[in-house]
């Protein structure tokens, strides 16, 4: 398994689609721990907000909830 390198993300804005999923939520947490700001993108506001609150309780509150379906161009715009 290849390890993801997170050097250089400090202060950068990273957009994570499917952010509330099991795999992506772990990636989001790692990005935040390395100093990135993360836009949480997904189709379900409640799941995204739940994730944002859980991260904030860990001191990782530099997130923005963005509800959108990446397959729907109008929703992304």
PDB file of N, CA and C in Angstrom:
ATOM      1  N   UNK A   1       0.848  -1.177   0.000  1.00  0.00           N
ATOM      2  CA  UNK A   1       0.000   0.000   0.000  1.00  0.00           C
ATOM      3  C   UNK A   1       0.890   1.235   0.000  1.00  0.00           C
ATOM      4  N   UNK A   2       0.587   2.177  -0.851  1.00  0.00           N
ATOM      5  CA  UNK A   2       1.363   3.401  -0.971  1.00  0.00           C
ATOM      6  C   UNK A   2       0.901   4.412   0.075  1.00  0.00           C
ATOM      7  N   UNK A   3       1.852   5.034   0.754  1.00  0.00           N
ATOM      8  CA  UNK A   3       1.528   6.029   1.769  1.00  0.00           C
ATOM      9  C   UNK A   3       1.359   7.394   1.109  1.00  0.00           C
ATOM     10  N   UNK A   4       0.322   8.119   1.508  1.00  0.00           N
ATOM     11  CA  UNK A   4       0.072   9.448   0.971  1.00  0.00           C
ATOM     12  C   UNK A   4       0.999  10.439   1.670  1.00  0.00           C
ATOM     13  N   UNK A   5       1.674  11.282   0.889  1.00  0.00           N
ATOM     14  CA  UNK A   5       2.545  12.309   1.462  1.00  0.00           C
ATOM     15  C   UNK A   5       1.744  13.590   1.618  1.00  0.00           C
ATOM     16  N   UNK A   6       1.765  14.140   2.808  1.00  0.00           N
ATOM     17  CA  UNK A   6       0.975  15.330   3.089  1.00  0.00           C
ATOM     18  C   UNK A   6       1.827  16.578   3.305  1.00  0.00           C
ATOM     19  N   UNK A   7       3.118  16.502   3.035  1.00  0.00           N
ATOM     20  CA  UNK A   7       3.952  17.683   3.168  1.00  0.00           C
ATOM     21  C   UNK A   7       3.485  18.738   2.177  1.00  0.00           C
ATOM     22  N   UNK A   8       3.545  19.983   2.594  1.00  0.00           N
ATOM     23  CA  UNK A   8       3.204  21.070   1.682  1.00  0.00           C
ATOM     24  C   UNK A   8       1.732  21.447   1.644  1.00  0.00           C
ATOM     25  N   UNK A   9       0.897  20.842   2.470  1.00  0.00           N
ATOM     26  CA  UNK A   9      -0.529  21.199   2.466  1.00  0.00           C
ATOM     27  C   UNK A   9      -0.862  22.281   3.484  1.00  0.00           C
ATOM     28  N   UNK A  10       0.089  22.607   4.343  1.00  0.00           N
ATOM     29  CA  UNK A  10      -0.166  23.600   5.381  1.00  0.00           C
ATOM     30  C   UNK A  10      -0.581  24.940   4.759  1.00  0.00           C
ATOM     31  N   UNK A  11      -1.731  25.453   5.212  1.00  0.00           N
ATOM     32  CA  UNK A  11      -2.242  26.727   4.711  1.00  0.00           C
ATOM     33  C   UNK A  11      -2.949  26.636   3.377  1.00  0.00           C
ATOM     34  N   UNK A  12      -2.964  25.484   2.762  1.00  0.00           N
ATOM     35  CA  UNK A  12      -3.643  25.302   1.468  1.00  0.00           C
ATOM     36  C   UNK A  12      -5.100  24.925   1.700  1.00  0.00           C
ATOM     37  N   UNK A  13      -5.935  25.222   0.716  1.00  0.00           N
ATOM     38  CA  UNK A  13      -7.336  24.805   0.748  1.00  0.00           C
ATOM     39  C   UNK A  13      -7.461  23.547  -0.100  1.00  0.00           C
ATOM     40  N   UNK A  14      -8.021  22.500   0.504  1.00  0.00           N
ATOM     41  CA  UNK A  14      -8.187  21.226  -0.179  1.00  0.00           C
ATOM     42  C   UNK A  14      -9.676  20.912  -0.237  1.00  0.00           C
ATOM     43  N   UNK A  15     -10.163  20.546  -1.415  1.00  0.00           N
ATOM     44  CA  UNK A  15     -11.560  20.166  -1.595  1.00  0.00           C
ATOM     45  C   UNK A  15     -11.629  18.646  -1.606  1.00  0.00           C
ATOM     46  N   UNK A  16     -12.435  18.091  -0.701  1.00  0.00           N
ATOM     47  CA  UNK A  16     -12.582  16.638  -0.614  1.00  0.00           C
ATOM     48  C   UNK A  16     -14.026  16.279  -0.914  1.00  0.00           C
ATOM     49  N   UNK A  17     -14.223  15.569  -2.022  1.00  0.00           N
ATOM     50  CA  UNK A  17     -15.573  15.119  -2.374  1.00  0.00           C
ATOM     51  C   UNK A  17     -15.843  13.785  -1.688  1.00  0.00           C
ATOM     52  N   UNK A  18     -17.088  13.579  -1.317  1.00  0.00           N
ATOM     53  CA  UNK A  18     -17.427  12.378  -0.566  1.00  0.00           C
ATOM     54  C   UNK A  18     -16.821  12.424   0.823  1.00  0.00           C
ATOM     55  N   UNK A  19     -16.658  13.627   1.350  1.00  0.00           N
ATOM     56  CA  UNK A  19     -15.912  13.865   2.586  1.00  0.00           C
ATOM     57  C   UNK A  19     -16.459  13.121   3.792  1.00  0.00           C
ATOM     58  N   UNK A  20     -17.752  12.867   3.848  1.00  0.00           N
ATOM     59  CA  UNK A  20     -18.348  12.229   5.022  1.00  0.00           C
ATOM     60  C   UNK A  20     -18.247  10.705   4.976  1.00  0.00           C
ATOM     61  N   UNK A  21     -17.709  10.171   3.900  1.00  0.00           N
ATOM     62  CA  UNK A  21     -17.546   8.720   3.800  1.00  0.00           C
ATOM     63  C   UNK A  21     -16.441   8.221   4.716  1.00  0.00           C
ATOM     64  N   UNK A  22     -16.376   6.930   4.906  1.00  0.00           N
ATOM     65  CA  UNK A  22     -15.408   6.328   5.829  1.00  0.00           C
ATOM     66  C   UNK A  22     -13.975   6.646   5.415  1.00  0.00           C
ATOM     67  N   UNK A  23     -13.625   6.409   4.183  1.00  0.00           N
ATOM     68  CA  UNK A  23     -12.251   6.632   3.727  1.00  0.00           C
ATOM     69  C   UNK A  23     -11.920   8.122   3.669  1.00  0.00           C
ATOM     70  N   UNK A  24     -12.784   8.888   3.041  1.00  0.00           N
ATOM     71  CA  UNK A  24     -12.497  10.317   2.859  1.00  0.00           C
ATOM     72  C   UNK A  24     -12.495  11.087   4.175  1.00  0.00           C
ATOM     73  N   UNK A  25     -13.299  10.682   5.138  1.00  0.00           N
ATOM     74  CA  UNK A  25     -13.289  11.393   6.421  1.00  0.00           C
ATOM     75  C   UNK A  25     -11.947  11.202   7.124  1.00  0.00           C
ATOM     76  N   UNK A  26     -11.316  10.052   6.940  1.00  0.00           N
ATOM     77  CA  UNK A  26      -9.978   9.829   7.497  1.00  0.00           C
ATOM     78  C   UNK A  26      -8.952  10.701   6.790  1.00  0.00           C
ATOM     79  N   UNK A  27      -9.088  10.824   5.479  1.00  0.00           N
ATOM     80  CA  UNK A  27      -8.192  11.687   4.706  1.00  0.00           C
ATOM     81  C   UNK A  27      -8.359  13.138   5.154  1.00  0.00           C
ATOM     82  N   UNK A  28      -9.615  13.563   5.343  1.00  0.00           N
ATOM     83  CA  UNK A  28      -9.891  14.925   5.806  1.00  0.00           C
ATOM     84  C   UNK A  28      -9.188  15.188   7.136  1.00  0.00           C
ATOM     85  N   UNK A  29      -9.309  14.267   8.067  1.00  0.00           N
ATOM     86  CA  UNK A  29      -8.684  14.451   9.381  1.00  0.00           C
ATOM     87  C   UNK A  29      -7.169  14.588   9.247  1.00  0.00           C
ATOM     88  N   UNK A  30      -6.557  13.751   8.427  1.00  0.00           N
ATOM     89  CA  UNK A  30      -5.106  13.835   8.231  1.00  0.00           C
ATOM     90  C   UNK A  30      -4.708  15.160   7.595  1.00  0.00           C
ATOM     91  N   UNK A  31      -5.474  15.611   6.621  1.00  0.00           N
ATOM     92  CA  UNK A  31      -5.183  16.897   5.981  1.00  0.00           C
ATOM     93  C   UNK A  31      -5.232  18.035   7.006  1.00  0.00           C
ATOM     94  N   UNK A  32      -6.263  18.027   7.843  1.00  0.00           N
ATOM     95  CA  UNK A  32      -6.398  19.058   8.873  1.00  0.00           C
ATOM     96  C   UNK A  32      -5.244  19.004   9.871  1.00  0.00           C
ATOM     97  N   UNK A  33      -4.849  17.813  10.252  1.00  0.00           N
ATOM     98  CA  UNK A  33      -3.731  17.657  11.193  1.00  0.00           C
ATOM     99  C   UNK A  33      -2.419  18.189  10.603  1.00  0.00           C
ATOM    100  N   UNK A  34      -2.332  18.211   9.277  1.00  0.00           N
ATOM    101  CA  UNK A  34      -1.135  18.722   8.604  1.00  0.00           C
ATOM    102  C   UNK A  34      -1.291  20.191   8.202  1.00  0.00           C
ATOM    103  N   UNK A  35      -2.341  20.858   8.713  1.00  0.00           N
ATOM    104  CA  UNK A  35      -2.469  22.300   8.536  1.00  0.00           C
ATOM    105  C   UNK A  35      -3.260  22.777   7.343  1.00  0.00           C
ATOM    106  N   UNK A  36      -3.911  21.873   6.632  1.00  0.00           N
ATOM    107  CA  UNK A  36      -4.734  22.283   5.492  1.00  0.00           C
ATOM    108  C   UNK A  36      -6.082  22.808   5.975  1.00  0.00           C
ATOM    109  N   UNK A  37      -6.712  23.597   5.138  1.00  0.00           N
ATOM    110  CA  UNK A  37      -8.105  24.002   5.324  1.00  0.00           C
ATOM    111  C   UNK A  37      -8.885  23.132   4.355  1.00  0.00           C
ATOM    112  N   UNK A  38     -10.009  22.575   4.806  1.00  0.00           N
ATOM    113  CA  UNK A  38     -10.688  21.577   3.978  1.00  0.00           C
ATOM    114  C   UNK A  38     -12.147  21.938   3.715  1.00  0.00           C
ATOM    115  N   UNK A  39     -12.510  21.920   2.430  1.00  0.00           N
ATOM    116  CA  UNK A  39     -13.906  22.059   2.024  1.00  0.00           C
ATOM    117  C   UNK A  39     -14.494  20.655   1.983  1.00  0.00           C
ATOM    118  N   UNK A  40     -15.486  20.426   2.829  1.00  0.00           N
ATOM    119  CA  UNK A  40     -16.150  19.126   2.906  1.00  0.00           C
ATOM    120  C   UNK A  40     -17.297  19.121   1.904  1.00  0.00           C
ATOM    121  N   UNK A  41     -17.170  18.339   0.845  1.00  0.00           N
ATOM    122  CA  UNK A  41     -18.191  18.309  -0.201  1.00  0.00           C
ATOM    123  C   UNK A  41     -18.893  16.958  -0.180  1.00  0.00           C
ATOM    124  N   UNK A  42     -20.223  17.006  -0.260  1.00  0.00           N
ATOM    125  CA  UNK A  42     -21.021  15.790  -0.303  1.00  0.00           C
ATOM    126  C   UNK A  42     -22.471  16.122  -0.576  1.00  0.00           C
ATOM    127  N   UNK A  43     -23.286  15.104  -0.697  1.00  0.00           N
ATOM    128  CA  UNK A  43     -24.693  15.315  -1.046  1.00  0.00           C
ATOM    129  C   UNK A  43     -25.606  15.485   0.158  1.00  0.00           C
ATOM    130  N   UNK A  44     -25.141  15.099   1.350  1.00  0.00           N
ATOM    131  CA  UNK A  44     -26.008  15.107   2.519  1.00  0.00           C
ATOM    132  C   UNK A  44     -25.483  16.067   3.582  1.00  0.00           C
ATOM    133  N   UNK A  45     -26.173  17.196   3.748  1.00  0.00           N
ATOM    134  CA  UNK A  45     -25.741  18.220   4.698  1.00  0.00           C
ATOM    135  C   UNK A  45     -25.583  17.658   6.117  1.00  0.00           C
ATOM    136  N   UNK A  46     -26.525  16.845   6.554  1.00  0.00           N
ATOM    137  CA  UNK A  46     -26.481  16.327   7.929  1.00  0.00           C
ATOM    138  C   UNK A  46     -25.200  15.533   8.185  1.00  0.00           C
ATOM    139  N   UNK A  47     -24.785  14.715   7.237  1.00  0.00           N
ATOM    140  CA  UNK A  47     -23.561  13.925   7.402  1.00  0.00           C
ATOM    141  C   UNK A  47     -22.327  14.823   7.429  1.00  0.00           C
ATOM    142  N   UNK A  48     -22.311  15.827   6.554  1.00  0.00           N
ATOM    143  CA  UNK A  48     -21.175  16.744   6.502  1.00  0.00           C
ATOM    144  C   UNK A  48     -21.078  17.553   7.788  1.00  0.00           C
ATOM    145  N   UNK A  49     -22.210  18.027   8.286  1.00  0.00           N
ATOM    146  CA  UNK A  49     -22.206  18.808   9.527  1.00  0.00           C
ATOM    147  C   UNK A  49     -21.807  17.959  10.726  1.00  0.00           C
ATOM    148  N   UNK A  50     -22.239  16.706  10.733  1.00  0.00           N
ATOM    149  CA  UNK A  50     -21.856  15.782  11.804  1.00  0.00           C
ATOM    150  C   UNK A  50     -20.337  15.590  11.795  1.00  0.00           C
ATOM    151  N   UNK A  51     -19.761  15.423  10.608  1.00  0.00           N
ATOM    152  CA  UNK A  51     -18.313  15.268  10.489  1.00  0.00           C
ATOM    153  C   UNK A  51     -17.608  16.539  10.958  1.00  0.00           C
ATOM    154  N   UNK A  52     -18.081  17.694  10.518  1.00  0.00           N
ATOM    155  CA  UNK A  52     -17.453  18.970  10.899  1.00  0.00           C
ATOM    156  C   UNK A  52     -17.470  19.143  12.419  1.00  0.00           C
ATOM    157  N   UNK A  53     -18.577  18.786  13.056  1.00  0.00           N
ATOM    158  CA  UNK A  53     -18.669  18.910  14.515  1.00  0.00           C
ATOM    159  C   UNK A  53     -17.727  17.935  15.219  1.00  0.00           C
ATOM    160  N   UNK A  54     -17.642  16.721  14.708  1.00  0.00           N
ATOM    161  CA  UNK A  54     -16.746  15.726  15.305  1.00  0.00           C
ATOM    162  C   UNK A  54     -15.292  16.176  15.179  1.00  0.00           C
ATOM    163  N   UNK A  55     -14.942  16.740  14.039  1.00  0.00           N
ATOM    164  CA  UNK A  55     -13.581  17.241  13.845  1.00  0.00           C
ATOM    165  C   UNK A  55     -13.308  18.425  14.758  1.00  0.00           C
ATOM    166  N   UNK A  56     -14.278  19.313  14.896  1.00  0.00           N
ATOM    167  CA  UNK A  56     -14.119  20.488  15.766  1.00  0.00           C
ATOM    168  C   UNK A  56     -13.875  20.069  17.214  1.00  0.00           C
ATOM    169  N   UNK A  57     -14.540  19.002  17.660  1.00  0.00           N
ATOM    170  CA  UNK A  57     -14.323  18.504  19.024  1.00  0.00           C
ATOM    171  C   UNK A  57     -12.885  18.028  19.222  1.00  0.00           C
ATOM    172  N   UNK A  58     -12.225  17.655  18.122  1.00  0.00           N
ATOM    173  CA  UNK A  58     -10.823  17.222  18.175  1.00  0.00           C
ATOM    174  C   UNK A  58      -9.871  18.398  17.964  1.00  0.00           C
ATOM    175  N   UNK A  59     -10.435  19.612  17.843  1.00  0.00           N
ATOM    176  CA  UNK A  59      -9.605  20.785  17.611  1.00  0.00           C
ATOM    177  C   UNK A  59      -9.264  21.004  16.153  1.00  0.00           C
ATOM    178  N   UNK A  60     -10.002  20.361  15.267  1.00  0.00           N
ATOM    179  CA  UNK A  60      -9.757  20.442  13.830  1.00  0.00           C
ATOM    180  C   UNK A  60     -10.960  21.106  13.160  1.00  0.00           C
ATOM    181  N   UNK A  61     -11.091  22.403  13.365  1.00  0.00           N
ATOM    182  CA  UNK A  61     -12.303  23.102  12.944  1.00  0.00           C
ATOM    183  C   UNK A  61     -12.156  23.915  11.667  1.00  0.00           C
ATOM    184  N   UNK A  62     -11.042  23.794  10.961  1.00  0.00           N
ATOM    185  CA  UNK A  62     -10.823  24.621   9.774  1.00  0.00           C
ATOM    186  C   UNK A  62     -11.468  23.975   8.545  1.00  0.00           C
ATOM    187  N   UNK A  63     -12.811  23.849   8.611  1.00  0.00           N
ATOM    188  CA  UNK A  63     -13.563  23.196   7.540  1.00  0.00           C
ATOM    189  C   UNK A  63     -14.689  24.097   7.041  1.00  0.00           C
ATOM    190  N   UNK A  64     -15.164  23.784   5.865  1.00  0.00           N
ATOM    191  CA  UNK A  64     -16.314  24.463   5.277  1.00  0.00           C
ATOM    192  C   UNK A  64     -17.213  23.390   4.685  1.00  0.00           C
ATOM    193  N   UNK A  65     -18.475  23.361   5.080  1.00  0.00           N
ATOM    194  CA  UNK A  65     -19.437  22.384   4.566  1.00  0.00           C
ATOM    195  C   UNK A  65     -20.007  22.903   3.245  1.00  0.00           C
ATOM    196  N   UNK A  66     -19.905  22.093   2.205  1.00  0.00           N
ATOM    197  CA  UNK A  66     -20.411  22.440   0.875  1.00  0.00           C
ATOM    198  C   UNK A  66     -21.271  21.292   0.368  1.00  0.00           C
ATOM    199  N   UNK A  67     -22.572  21.511   0.304  1.00  0.00           N
ATOM    200  CA  UNK A  67     -23.475  20.468  -0.167  1.00  0.00           C
ATOM    201  C   UNK A  67     -23.567  20.545  -1.682  1.00  0.00           C
ATOM    202  N   UNK A  68     -23.193  19.466  -2.344  1.00  0.00           N
ATOM    203  CA  UNK A  68     -23.246  19.416  -3.809  1.00  0.00           C
ATOM    204  C   UNK A  68     -23.076  17.981  -4.275  1.00  0.00           C
ATOM    205  N   UNK A  69     -23.623  17.710  -5.433  1.00  0.00           N
ATOM    206  CA  UNK A  69     -23.442  16.430  -6.109  1.00  0.00           C
ATOM    207  C   UNK A  69     -22.441  16.687  -7.225  1.00  0.00           C
ATOM    208  N   UNK A  70     -21.271  16.052  -7.155  1.00  0.00           N
ATOM    209  CA  UNK A  70     -20.226  16.340  -8.136  1.00  0.00           C
ATOM    210  C   UNK A  70     -20.604  15.920  -9.552  1.00  0.00           C
ATOM    211  N   UNK A  71     -21.655  15.137  -9.685  1.00  0.00           N
ATOM    212  CA  UNK A  71     -22.122  14.747 -11.019  1.00  0.00           C
ATOM    213  C   UNK A  71     -23.147  15.734 -11.569  1.00  0.00           C
ATOM    214  N   UNK A  72     -23.520  16.729 -10.774  1.00  0.00           N
ATOM    215  CA  UNK A  72     -24.490  17.737 -11.181  1.00  0.00           C
ATOM    216  C   UNK A  72     -23.776  19.084 -11.326  1.00  0.00           C
ATOM    217  N   UNK A  73     -23.483  19.457 -12.556  1.00  0.00           N
ATOM    218  CA  UNK A  73     -22.717  20.675 -12.812  1.00  0.00           C
ATOM    219  C   UNK A  73     -23.356  21.914 -12.193  1.00  0.00           C
ATOM    220  N   UNK A  74     -24.683  22.039 -12.300  1.00  0.00           N
ATOM    221  CA  UNK A  74     -25.376  23.190 -11.737  1.00  0.00           C
ATOM    222  C   UNK A  74     -25.199  23.257 -10.220  1.00  0.00           C
ATOM    223  N   UNK A  75     -25.229  22.127  -9.559  1.00  0.00           N
ATOM    224  CA  UNK A  75     -25.065  22.085  -8.106  1.00  0.00           C
ATOM    225  C   UNK A  75     -23.664  22.547  -7.717  1.00  0.00           C
ATOM    226  N   UNK A  76     -22.678  22.212  -8.520  1.00  0.00           N
ATOM    227  CA  UNK A  76     -21.306  22.613  -8.213  1.00  0.00           C
ATOM    228  C   UNK A  76     -21.095  24.103  -8.433  1.00  0.00           C
ATOM    229  N   UNK A  77     -21.728  24.644  -9.443  1.00  0.00           N
ATOM    230  CA  UNK A  77     -21.577  26.073  -9.721  1.00  0.00           C
ATOM    231  C   UNK A  77     -22.284  26.883  -8.668  1.00  0.00           C
TER     232      UNK A  77
END
